[in-house]
Structure formats: structure tokens, C-alpha cells
Amino acid sequence: MKTILKISVYIGLATAVLVTAASRLLPADKPAVQIKLLNVSYDPTRELYQQVNPAFAADWKKKTGNDVVIDLSNGGSAKQARSVLDGLEADVVTLGLGYDIDALADKGLLAQDWQKKLPNNSSPYTSTIVFLVRKGNPKNIKDWPDVIKPGVEVITPNPKTSGGGRWSYLAAWGYAYRKNGNNEAKAREFVTALYKNVPVLDSGARGSTTTFAQREIGDVLLAWENEAHLALKEFGADKFEIVAPSESILAEPPVAVVDKVAGKKGTAEIAKAYLSFLYSDAGQEIIAQNFYRPFNKSVLAKHESQYGKLNLFTFESLYG
């Protein structure tokens, strides 16, 4: 019996030694890491990134085993750029137009050639400016000349603070410029008449939608195409309808990693992966579901019926 007990003790000791040795040799399970990103975006992207963020987080978790939480800040594009310049630590910016990201590059927050980092000049989606009118279109607003008529109230965001406001300004300017043989004086006259019809200049596109749809001010809203569709979805097609003018501008909202911030925080790799996800099939499908025009032509064709048929010109086509 004593022999058996001794053997049992020795076996137990040997097992303990082997387990201890093995634990030293074998790597411990690596705990999951949680990473935080801040996406500083322009006003009407809330719904888009509310879908993109969890989809990317699930994809990242599957690939790496790590968790990521993406915080989102929205506001007028120029105001958001100013916030980043003033110290808001954005890992990525997804703003309304390249000019606002150029302002960050000029201050050394990212490379001057930032638009070359991702496909399509770093624009994973495009949009345009359309008209949102009240049901039945009581003022019979069908094209740009109608928005400068006396008695027509136009709602549009402030171009000094809003990306949508700037694209609306450029769409109106471009229409008049092209229709009048590239005459800048005529274009200036047209936009001056338009802004005389604007009773309220909100700082961002979402604020203008609220003014038009909820406060019931104005006869026509100059809106991002995606924002106009979201207004129909939220408030009902029995209250509003979308009018596509004969032509409008191709708006190309870009995205970029804020290199200086992401480098300091150690998030450069995941920040780039996050923006690259926007170009994936899954990301492009989410983009289309939120009424942006996806970069991927096959996804765009799949959803073609939801976009207005209008001639789109680019800013570059106006001035080369």
C-alpha cells in the first residue's frame, strides 16, 4: 500500500512538473484587443456609417480576432475639418469634398497626395444635388431656372460651412455657366438670384432637411441625392417627392486616414483597412442601400433604378 501511495505521489509530482514546463513552453491564449477609431464625417452620413461600422467590426473580428469600436462625429464638412485642425483626434475623415481634406494636408496632418492612396481619387461613393419638393410640387419646380423665380423659397445649407452647401452652389453655378456659354458674369447673376430666395442658411445638410421637412419652411430643398431619398423614407412619399433637374454636378465625397493622428495612436493599419472596406463588395452594397452611388459599376447597375436620370458634369469640366 505504501508503495502504491509513493507511486501516486511521484506520478502527481511528475504530472505537475510536466504541466508547469509545458505551460512555459506553450504560448498562452492571446487576449482579444479592443481598438477605437474616430471617423469625423460630414452631415448626412449618419445612417450610412451606422451600417458600415458594425459590418466592418464583424469583418475585422473574423480576420484578426480583435474588436474595434468606431465612434462617429457628424457636422458640416468645413466645420468638421476645422474641428480636426483644432485638435479633434480623427483617425479617419470622410468629408463632403476634397477641399476640406486638402486643408488638413496643408497643416501636415496627412500627405499632400492623399487622394492617390485609395481608388477613384479616394472617393468610394459619389452623389449629386437634386430637388426635394412638397407632394404635388405646388410651385411646379422642374429645373434650375424655377428656383430663382420670385416667390419660390429655396432651402440649402451654408456653403461656408457645409459640403452639401458647396456642392449645391457649384451645381447651380455650373448649370448657369454652361447654359450661358461659359459666362461667369451670368453664372454669378444666377446664383445671386438663387440665394436671394433662401430664407434660412443652416450650417449643415441635415439641418436644412430638418428646416424643410419638419419646420415646413421653403418650397424646395437643394439636397444630396441620398439625403432626399432618406427624407422620403423617414417622412413618407405622401409628403414629398424628388425632382431631378436636367443636369447637376457629380459630387465626389472623399475619405482619408489622418496619418499624423493614426500614427500617434497606433491605428494606421486598421484605419486603412476600415476605409478599404468601403470599396469591398459588402461595403459597396451598404453604400447603395443608403442611396449613395457606389464606385463599383456592377453594384451601381444593380441599384440603377433608384437614382435620378440626369446629366452629370464635374467641377473639372467647368474649369479644366
Protein backbone atom coordinates (compact mmCIF):
# COMPACT_ATOMS: atom_id res chain seq x y z
CA MET A 1 0.00 0.00 0.00
CA LYS A 2 2.86 2.36 0.90
CA THR A 3 4.47 1.57 -2.45
CA ILE A 4 1.26 2.42 -4.29
CA LEU A 5 0.95 5.68 -2.36
CA LYS A 6 4.54 6.59 -3.16
CA ILE A 7 3.97 5.85 -6.86
CA SER A 8 0.83 8.00 -6.83
CA VAL A 9 2.72 10.86 -5.22
CA TYR A 10 5.56 10.59 -7.72
CA ILE A 11 3.11 10.46 -10.64
CA GLY A 12 1.32 13.50 -9.25
CA LEU A 13 4.57 15.39 -8.83
CA ALA A 14 5.75 14.40 -12.28
CA THR A 15 2.46 15.50 -13.82
CA ALA A 16 2.65 18.84 -12.04
CA VAL A 17 6.23 19.35 -13.25
CA LEU A 18 5.29 18.44 -16.83
CA VAL A 19 2.25 20.74 -16.81
CA THR A 20 4.34 23.60 -15.43
CA ALA A 21 7.05 23.02 -18.01
CA ALA A 22 4.52 22.78 -20.82
CA SER A 23 2.86 26.00 -19.71
CA ARG A 24 6.21 27.70 -20.04
CA LEU A 25 6.82 26.26 -23.49
CA LEU A 26 3.35 26.73 -24.98
CA PRO A 27 2.15 30.30 -25.66
CA ALA A 28 -0.80 31.46 -23.60
CA ASP A 29 -4.03 32.29 -25.42
CA LYS A 30 -3.66 35.81 -26.76
CA PRO A 31 -6.38 38.03 -25.31
CA ALA A 32 -8.55 39.91 -27.78
CA VAL A 33 -7.61 43.55 -28.19
CA GLN A 34 -10.20 46.31 -28.46
CA ILE A 35 -9.27 49.21 -30.71
CA LYS A 36 -11.09 52.52 -31.02
CA LEU A 37 -11.34 54.62 -34.16
CA LEU A 38 -12.90 58.03 -34.66
CA ASN A 39 -14.47 58.79 -38.04
CA VAL A 40 -15.08 62.52 -38.46
CA SER A 41 -17.65 62.81 -41.22
CA TYR A 42 -19.94 65.28 -42.92
CA ASP A 43 -23.56 65.83 -42.03
CA PRO A 44 -25.78 63.27 -43.81
CA THR A 45 -23.60 60.15 -43.45
CA ARG A 46 -25.02 59.07 -40.08
CA GLU A 47 -27.19 56.28 -41.46
CA LEU A 48 -24.50 55.08 -43.86
CA TYR A 49 -21.83 54.60 -41.22
CA GLN A 50 -24.30 53.22 -38.70
CA GLN A 51 -24.43 50.26 -41.11
CA VAL A 52 -20.82 50.28 -42.26
CA ASN A 53 -19.28 50.35 -38.78
CA PRO A 54 -20.73 47.09 -37.37
CA ALA A 55 -20.18 45.35 -40.70
CA PHE A 56 -16.51 46.31 -40.68
CA ALA A 57 -16.16 45.42 -36.98
CA ALA A 58 -17.51 41.92 -37.67
CA ASP A 59 -15.18 41.53 -40.65
CA TRP A 60 -12.17 42.70 -38.64
CA LYS A 61 -13.05 40.38 -35.73
CA LYS A 62 -13.28 37.43 -38.12
CA LYS A 63 -9.91 38.21 -39.69
CA THR A 64 -7.92 39.18 -36.59
CA GLY A 65 -9.85 38.07 -33.52
CA ASN A 66 -9.75 41.64 -32.25
CA ASP A 67 -12.59 44.02 -31.51
CA VAL A 68 -12.93 47.51 -32.90
CA VAL A 69 -15.28 50.27 -31.82
CA ILE A 70 -15.82 53.09 -34.30
CA ASP A 71 -17.08 56.40 -33.00
CA LEU A 72 -18.73 58.77 -35.46
CA SER A 73 -18.79 62.57 -35.44
CA ASN A 74 -21.08 64.38 -37.90
CA GLY A 75 -21.46 68.01 -38.90
CA GLY A 76 -21.00 70.41 -41.77
CA SER A 77 -17.94 69.32 -43.75
CA ALA A 78 -15.96 72.55 -43.38
CA LYS A 79 -16.82 72.75 -39.67
CA GLN A 80 -15.65 69.16 -39.19
CA ALA A 81 -12.36 69.89 -40.93
CA ARG A 82 -11.92 72.90 -38.66
CA SER A 83 -12.56 70.70 -35.60
CA VAL A 84 -9.79 68.32 -36.70
CA LEU A 85 -7.45 71.26 -37.27
CA ASP A 86 -8.33 72.47 -33.78
CA GLY A 87 -7.35 69.15 -32.19
CA LEU A 88 -10.19 66.64 -32.62
CA GLU A 89 -8.22 63.38 -32.98
CA ALA A 90 -9.80 61.77 -36.02
CA ASP A 91 -8.23 58.52 -37.20
CA VAL A 92 -10.09 58.94 -40.48
CA VAL A 93 -12.06 61.71 -42.15
CA THR A 94 -14.93 61.09 -44.56
CA LEU A 95 -15.81 64.60 -45.65
CA GLY A 96 -18.02 66.25 -48.23
CA LEU A 97 -15.36 67.43 -50.65
CA GLY A 98 -11.63 67.24 -51.23
CA TYR A 99 -11.05 70.91 -50.41
CA ASP A 100 -11.72 70.21 -46.73
CA ILE A 101 -9.20 67.34 -46.61
CA ASP A 102 -6.68 69.47 -48.51
CA ALA A 103 -6.91 71.92 -45.61
CA LEU A 104 -5.76 69.14 -43.26
CA ALA A 105 -2.93 68.18 -45.62
CA ASP A 106 -1.79 71.80 -45.77
CA LYS A 107 -1.28 71.67 -41.99
CA GLY A 108 0.71 68.42 -42.16
CA LEU A 109 -1.95 66.08 -40.77
CA LEU A 110 -1.71 63.85 -43.84
CA ALA A 111 0.24 63.64 -47.09
CA GLN A 112 -0.38 66.12 -49.89
CA ASP A 113 -1.01 63.19 -52.26
CA TRP A 114 -3.68 61.67 -50.00
CA GLN A 115 -6.11 61.25 -52.91
CA LYS A 116 -3.78 58.70 -54.52
CA LYS A 117 -3.93 56.36 -51.53
CA LEU A 118 -7.26 54.75 -52.45
CA PRO A 119 -9.13 54.06 -55.72
CA ASN A 120 -11.19 56.67 -57.58
CA ASN A 121 -9.29 59.58 -56.02
CA SER A 122 -10.21 58.22 -52.59
CA SER A 123 -13.97 58.52 -53.29
CA PRO A 124 -15.68 55.16 -52.60
CA TYR A 125 -19.05 56.69 -53.47
CA THR A 126 -20.43 59.67 -55.35
CA SER A 127 -23.68 61.60 -55.23
CA THR A 128 -25.30 64.67 -56.76
CA ILE A 129 -27.67 67.51 -55.93
CA VAL A 130 -31.40 67.09 -56.59
CA PHE A 131 -34.59 68.94 -55.62
CA LEU A 132 -36.90 67.79 -52.84
CA VAL A 133 -40.33 69.40 -53.19
CA ARG A 134 -43.62 69.06 -51.36
CA LYS A 135 -46.09 66.48 -52.61
CA GLY A 136 -47.77 67.54 -55.83
CA ASN A 137 -44.97 70.05 -56.49
CA PRO A 138 -47.27 73.06 -55.91
CA LYS A 139 -44.71 75.58 -57.25
CA ASN A 140 -44.09 73.42 -60.37
CA ILE A 141 -40.34 73.31 -59.80
CA LYS A 142 -38.77 71.17 -62.54
CA ASP A 143 -35.35 72.63 -63.32
CA TRP A 144 -32.80 75.20 -62.20
CA PRO A 145 -34.50 78.28 -63.70
CA ASP A 146 -37.52 77.57 -61.47
CA VAL A 147 -35.55 78.03 -58.23
CA ILE A 148 -34.77 81.68 -58.99
CA LYS A 149 -38.36 82.67 -59.75
CA PRO A 150 -39.91 85.33 -57.48
CA GLY A 151 -41.92 83.80 -54.65
CA VAL A 152 -40.03 80.49 -54.58
CA GLU A 153 -38.37 79.80 -51.22
CA VAL A 154 -35.22 77.69 -51.51
CA ILE A 155 -33.65 75.81 -48.61
CA THR A 156 -29.95 74.99 -48.89
CA PRO A 157 -27.09 74.77 -46.37
CA ASN A 158 -24.50 77.48 -45.94
CA PRO A 159 -21.67 76.91 -48.47
CA LYS A 160 -19.21 78.40 -45.99
CA THR A 161 -19.70 75.53 -43.54
CA SER A 162 -21.38 72.68 -45.42
CA GLY A 163 -20.08 70.33 -48.09
CA GLY A 164 -23.63 69.90 -49.37
CA GLY A 165 -23.98 73.67 -49.43
CA ARG A 166 -20.86 73.98 -51.57
CA TRP A 167 -21.94 71.25 -53.98
CA SER A 168 -25.36 72.94 -54.29
CA TYR A 169 -23.66 76.25 -55.05
CA LEU A 170 -21.42 74.57 -57.64
CA ALA A 171 -24.36 72.73 -59.21
CA ALA A 172 -26.29 75.99 -59.66
CA TRP A 173 -23.20 77.87 -60.83
CA GLY A 174 -22.25 75.10 -63.26
CA TYR A 175 -25.73 74.95 -64.75
CA ALA A 176 -25.82 78.71 -65.42
CA TYR A 177 -22.20 78.81 -66.56
CA ARG A 178 -22.71 76.05 -69.13
CA LYS A 179 -26.08 77.32 -70.35
CA ASN A 180 -24.66 80.78 -70.98
CA GLY A 181 -21.59 79.83 -72.99
CA ASN A 182 -19.20 79.64 -70.02
CA ASN A 183 -20.10 83.18 -69.00
CA GLU A 184 -19.01 83.79 -65.39
CA ALA A 185 -21.00 87.01 -65.07
CA LYS A 186 -24.21 85.17 -65.97
CA ALA A 187 -23.38 82.37 -63.54
CA ARG A 188 -22.78 84.89 -60.76
CA GLU A 189 -26.06 86.63 -61.57
CA PHE A 190 -27.89 83.29 -61.39
CA VAL A 191 -26.53 82.21 -58.00
CA THR A 192 -27.09 85.70 -56.61
CA ALA A 193 -30.76 85.43 -57.59
CA LEU A 194 -30.94 81.95 -56.08
CA TYR A 195 -29.57 82.99 -52.68
CA LYS A 196 -31.99 85.92 -52.56
CA ASN A 197 -34.68 83.22 -52.41
CA VAL A 198 -33.07 81.46 -49.41
CA PRO A 199 -34.73 82.41 -46.09
CA VAL A 200 -32.55 80.18 -43.87
CA LEU A 201 -28.93 79.05 -44.21
CA ASP A 202 -28.29 76.12 -41.89
CA SER A 203 -24.71 75.09 -41.09
CA GLY A 204 -25.15 71.55 -42.43
CA ALA A 205 -27.24 69.47 -44.82
CA ARG A 206 -29.13 67.63 -42.09
CA GLY A 207 -30.12 70.93 -40.53
CA SER A 208 -31.52 72.09 -43.88
CA THR A 209 -33.51 68.87 -44.21
CA THR A 210 -34.97 69.49 -40.75
CA THR A 211 -35.83 73.08 -41.69
CA PHE A 212 -37.61 71.95 -44.85
CA ALA A 213 -39.26 68.71 -43.70
CA GLN A 214 -40.04 69.32 -40.03
CA ARG A 215 -40.23 73.08 -39.71
CA GLU A 216 -42.04 73.20 -43.08
CA ILE A 217 -40.09 76.19 -44.35
CA GLY A 218 -39.47 76.55 -48.08
CA ASP A 219 -40.81 75.25 -51.38
CA VAL A 220 -37.74 73.29 -52.48
CA LEU A 221 -34.73 71.78 -50.76
CA LEU A 222 -31.45 71.56 -52.66
CA ALA A 223 -30.36 68.20 -51.29
CA TRP A 224 -27.80 65.50 -51.59
CA GLU A 225 -29.47 62.73 -53.60
CA ASN A 226 -29.08 60.27 -50.72
CA GLU A 227 -30.47 62.79 -48.24
CA ALA A 228 -33.55 63.36 -50.42
CA HIS A 229 -34.22 59.60 -50.51
CA LEU A 230 -33.78 59.32 -46.75
CA ALA A 231 -36.29 62.16 -46.28
CA LEU A 232 -38.83 60.23 -48.36
CA LYS A 233 -38.12 57.11 -46.34
CA GLU A 234 -38.41 58.87 -42.97
CA PHE A 235 -41.25 61.31 -43.59
CA GLY A 236 -43.20 59.48 -46.29
CA ALA A 237 -43.62 59.65 -50.05
CA ASP A 238 -47.06 61.11 -49.39
CA LYS A 239 -45.41 64.33 -48.18
CA PHE A 240 -42.51 64.90 -50.55
CA GLU A 241 -41.20 63.98 -53.96
CA ILE A 242 -37.82 64.13 -55.65
CA VAL A 243 -37.30 66.18 -58.80
CA ALA A 244 -34.17 65.54 -60.85
CA PRO A 245 -33.09 68.71 -62.68
CA SER A 246 -31.91 68.42 -66.29
CA GLU A 247 -28.33 68.42 -65.08
CA SER A 248 -26.35 68.63 -61.88
CA ILE A 249 -22.85 68.21 -60.57
CA LEU A 250 -21.12 64.91 -59.85
CA ALA A 251 -20.29 65.21 -56.15
CA GLU A 252 -17.31 63.11 -55.07
CA PRO A 253 -17.03 62.95 -51.26
CA PRO A 254 -13.55 61.62 -50.38
CA VAL A 255 -12.11 59.66 -47.46
CA ALA A 256 -8.63 59.63 -45.91
CA VAL A 257 -6.58 58.35 -43.00
CA VAL A 258 -5.33 61.21 -40.82
CA ASP A 259 -1.74 59.98 -40.84
CA LYS A 260 -0.42 62.13 -38.01
CA VAL A 261 -3.18 61.08 -35.60
CA ALA A 262 -3.34 57.41 -36.62
CA GLY A 263 0.46 57.17 -36.43
CA LYS A 264 0.48 58.59 -32.91
CA LYS A 265 -2.36 56.33 -31.74
CA GLY A 266 -1.03 53.21 -33.49
CA THR A 267 -4.21 52.80 -35.54
CA ALA A 268 -2.84 53.35 -39.05
CA GLU A 269 -3.27 49.73 -40.17
CA ILE A 270 -6.87 49.35 -39.03
CA ALA A 271 -7.78 52.87 -40.20
CA LYS A 272 -6.64 51.97 -43.71
CA ALA A 273 -8.49 48.64 -43.53
CA TYR A 274 -11.64 50.49 -42.45
CA LEU A 275 -11.56 52.80 -45.47
CA SER A 276 -10.62 49.91 -47.79
CA PHE A 277 -13.73 48.07 -46.55
CA LEU A 278 -15.82 50.79 -48.19
CA TYR A 279 -14.55 49.55 -51.57
CA SER A 280 -15.33 45.88 -50.85
CA ASP A 281 -18.45 44.22 -52.28
CA ALA A 282 -20.07 44.30 -48.83
CA GLY A 283 -19.20 47.96 -48.32
CA GLN A 284 -20.39 48.96 -51.78
CA GLU A 285 -23.71 47.21 -51.22
CA ILE A 286 -24.25 49.12 -47.96
CA ILE A 287 -23.40 52.33 -49.80
CA ALA A 288 -26.04 51.61 -52.45
CA GLN A 289 -28.63 50.71 -49.81
CA ASN A 290 -28.14 54.19 -48.37
CA PHE A 291 -28.73 55.83 -51.79
CA TYR A 292 -25.14 56.87 -52.47
CA ARG A 293 -23.80 55.96 -55.91
CA PRO A 294 -21.25 53.17 -55.41
CA PHE A 295 -17.84 53.19 -57.10
CA ASN A 296 -18.29 49.55 -58.17
CA LYS A 297 -20.06 49.61 -61.55
CA SER A 298 -21.78 46.25 -61.12
CA VAL A 299 -23.25 47.29 -57.75
CA LEU A 300 -24.28 50.64 -59.26
CA ALA A 301 -26.02 48.85 -62.15
CA LYS A 302 -27.86 46.58 -59.71
CA HIS A 303 -29.42 49.61 -58.00
CA GLU A 304 -29.65 51.87 -61.06
CA SER A 305 -33.43 52.32 -60.86
CA GLN A 306 -33.22 54.25 -57.58
CA TYR A 307 -31.07 57.04 -58.98
CA GLY A 308 -32.41 60.03 -60.88
CA LYS A 309 -31.68 60.23 -64.59
CA LEU A 310 -29.85 63.48 -65.17
CA ASN A 311 -26.76 64.71 -66.94
CA LEU A 312 -23.86 64.97 -64.51
CA PHE A 313 -20.96 67.36 -65.04
CA THR A 314 -17.79 67.57 -62.97
CA PHE A 315 -16.15 70.59 -61.42
CA GLU A 316 -13.08 69.88 -63.57
CA SER A 317 -15.20 70.08 -66.72
CA LEU A 318 -16.09 73.66 -65.84
CA TYR A 319 -12.56 74.94 -65.42
CA GLY A 320 -10.26 72.16 -66.62
